[in-house]
Amino acid sequence: MLVLTRRKNESVILNENIEITILEIDGEQIKLGIKAPKDVEILRKEIILKIEEENMNALRGNFDLKKILKEKTK
């Protein structure tokens, strides 16, 4: 893993076409701005992990059909 130190308004460039800028620092939280081509999918890691978990549960048959149907009717 590459570890970089950046300050507010400083950026890093990935693959010559993705720019990540530190927009704000507030305690333990930072706000990132990401400029990337529209075809580049950007997802939060916790969302990817949740999708993977749900997919594994579906493969194992570990799902609550009543819960799924209830959510669909909302």
C-alpha atoms as a PDB file:
ATOM      1  CA  MET A   1       0.000   0.000   0.000  1.00  0.00           C
ATOM      2  CA  LEU A   2       1.282   3.439  -0.922  1.00  0.00           C
ATOM      3  CA  VAL A   3       0.832   5.956   1.903  1.00  0.00           C
ATOM      4  CA  LEU A   4       0.853   9.677   1.086  1.00  0.00           C
ATOM      5  CA  THR A   5       0.461  12.776   3.207  1.00  0.00           C
ATOM      6  CA  ARG A   6      -1.733  15.491   1.701  1.00  0.00           C
ATOM      7  CA  ARG A   7      -3.038  18.790   3.009  1.00  0.00           C
ATOM      8  CA  LYS A   8      -6.265  20.609   2.237  1.00  0.00           C
ATOM      9  CA  ASN A   9      -6.544  21.453  -1.489  1.00  0.00           C
ATOM     10  CA  GLU A  10      -3.706  19.074  -2.409  1.00  0.00           C
ATOM     11  CA  SER A  11      -4.322  16.259  -4.889  1.00  0.00           C
ATOM     12  CA  VAL A  12      -3.040  12.963  -6.200  1.00  0.00           C
ATOM     13  CA  ILE A  13      -3.419  11.758  -9.779  1.00  0.00           C
ATOM     14  CA  LEU A  14      -4.166   8.133 -10.664  1.00  0.00           C
ATOM     15  CA  ASN A  15      -3.695   6.676 -14.124  1.00  0.00           C
ATOM     16  CA  GLU A  16      -3.322  10.175 -15.648  1.00  0.00           C
ATOM     17  CA  ASN A  17      -7.113  10.712 -15.676  1.00  0.00           C
ATOM     18  CA  ILE A  18      -8.330  10.463 -12.070  1.00  0.00           C
ATOM     19  CA  GLU A  19      -7.679  13.277  -9.612  1.00  0.00           C
ATOM     20  CA  ILE A  20      -8.389  12.963  -5.892  1.00  0.00           C
ATOM     21  CA  THR A  21      -8.355  16.227  -3.930  1.00  0.00           C
ATOM     22  CA  ILE A  22      -8.576  16.809  -0.180  1.00  0.00           C
ATOM     23  CA  LEU A  23     -11.432  19.306   0.130  1.00  0.00           C
ATOM     24  CA  GLU A  24     -11.902  19.565   3.878  1.00  0.00           C
ATOM     25  CA  ILE A  25     -10.450  18.157   7.085  1.00  0.00           C
ATOM     26  CA  ASP A  26     -12.661  18.049  10.186  1.00  0.00           C
ATOM     27  CA  GLY A  27     -11.216  16.071  13.083  1.00  0.00           C
ATOM     28  CA  GLU A  28     -11.027  12.436  12.008  1.00  0.00           C
ATOM     29  CA  GLN A  29     -13.064  12.997   8.841  1.00  0.00           C
ATOM     30  CA  ILE A  30     -11.919  14.264   5.488  1.00  0.00           C
ATOM     31  CA  LYS A  31     -13.907  15.191   2.409  1.00  0.00           C
ATOM     32  CA  LEU A  32     -12.505  13.978  -0.886  1.00  0.00           C
ATOM     33  CA  GLY A  33     -13.267  15.322  -4.326  1.00  0.00           C
ATOM     34  CA  ILE A  34     -12.815  12.876  -7.184  1.00  0.00           C
ATOM     35  CA  LYS A  35     -12.565  13.889 -10.848  1.00  0.00           C
ATOM     36  CA  ALA A  36     -12.773  10.877 -13.122  1.00  0.00           C
ATOM     37  CA  PRO A  37     -14.179   9.918 -16.509  1.00  0.00           C
ATOM     38  CA  LYS A  38     -17.873   9.008 -16.448  1.00  0.00           C
ATOM     39  CA  ASP A  39     -17.094   5.382 -17.287  1.00  0.00           C
ATOM     40  CA  VAL A  40     -15.047   4.966 -14.085  1.00  0.00           C
ATOM     41  CA  GLU A  41     -17.173   3.396 -11.364  1.00  0.00           C
ATOM     42  CA  ILE A  42     -16.517   4.846  -7.908  1.00  0.00           C
ATOM     43  CA  LEU A  43     -17.945   2.990  -4.927  1.00  0.00           C
ATOM     44  CA  ARG A  44     -17.351   3.134  -1.190  1.00  0.00           C
ATOM     45  CA  LYS A  45     -15.617  -0.013   0.031  1.00  0.00           C
ATOM     46  CA  GLU A  46     -18.305  -0.760   2.635  1.00  0.00           C
ATOM     47  CA  ILE A  47     -20.921  -0.815  -0.148  1.00  0.00           C
ATOM     48  CA  ILE A  48     -18.869  -3.316  -2.164  1.00  0.00           C
ATOM     49  CA  LEU A  49     -18.424  -5.515   0.923  1.00  0.00           C
ATOM     50  CA  LYS A  50     -22.172  -5.405   1.670  1.00  0.00           C
ATOM     51  CA  ILE A  51     -23.015  -6.397  -1.928  1.00  0.00           C
ATOM     52  CA  GLU A  52     -20.514  -9.267  -1.761  1.00  0.00           C
ATOM     53  CA  GLU A  53     -22.015 -10.424   1.553  1.00  0.00           C
ATOM     54  CA  GLU A  54     -25.557 -10.307   0.144  1.00  0.00           C
ATOM     55  CA  ASN A  55     -24.439 -12.237  -2.948  1.00  0.00           C
ATOM     56  CA  MET A  56     -22.808 -14.925  -0.800  1.00  0.00           C
ATOM     57  CA  ASN A  57     -25.952 -15.189   1.343  1.00  0.00           C
ATOM     58  CA  ALA A  58     -28.050 -15.596  -1.799  1.00  0.00           C
ATOM     59  CA  LEU A  59     -25.750 -18.347  -3.060  1.00  0.00           C
ATOM     60  CA  ARG A  60     -25.996 -20.159   0.276  1.00  0.00           C
ATOM     61  CA  GLY A  61     -29.742 -19.648   0.442  1.00  0.00           C
ATOM     62  CA  ASN A  62     -29.375 -17.601   3.656  1.00  0.00           C
ATOM     63  CA  PHE A  63     -32.072 -15.048   3.015  1.00  0.00           C
ATOM     64  CA  ASP A  64     -35.400 -14.160   4.577  1.00  0.00           C
ATOM     65  CA  LEU A  65     -37.999 -14.197   1.808  1.00  0.00           C
ATOM     66  CA  LYS A  66     -40.609 -12.532   4.046  1.00  0.00           C
ATOM     67  CA  LYS A  67     -38.213  -9.641   4.744  1.00  0.00           C
ATOM     68  CA  ILE A  68     -37.439  -9.232   1.033  1.00  0.00           C
ATOM     69  CA  LEU A  69     -41.123  -9.204   0.094  1.00  0.00           C
ATOM     70  CA  LYS A  70     -41.924  -6.726   2.889  1.00  0.00           C
ATOM     71  CA  GLU A  71     -39.177  -4.343   1.652  1.00  0.00           C
ATOM     72  CA  LYS A  72     -40.451  -4.574  -1.947  1.00  0.00           C
ATOM     73  CA  THR A  73     -43.951  -3.486  -0.892  1.00  0.00           C
ATOM     74  CA  LYS A  74     -42.715  -0.312   0.860  1.00  0.00           C
END
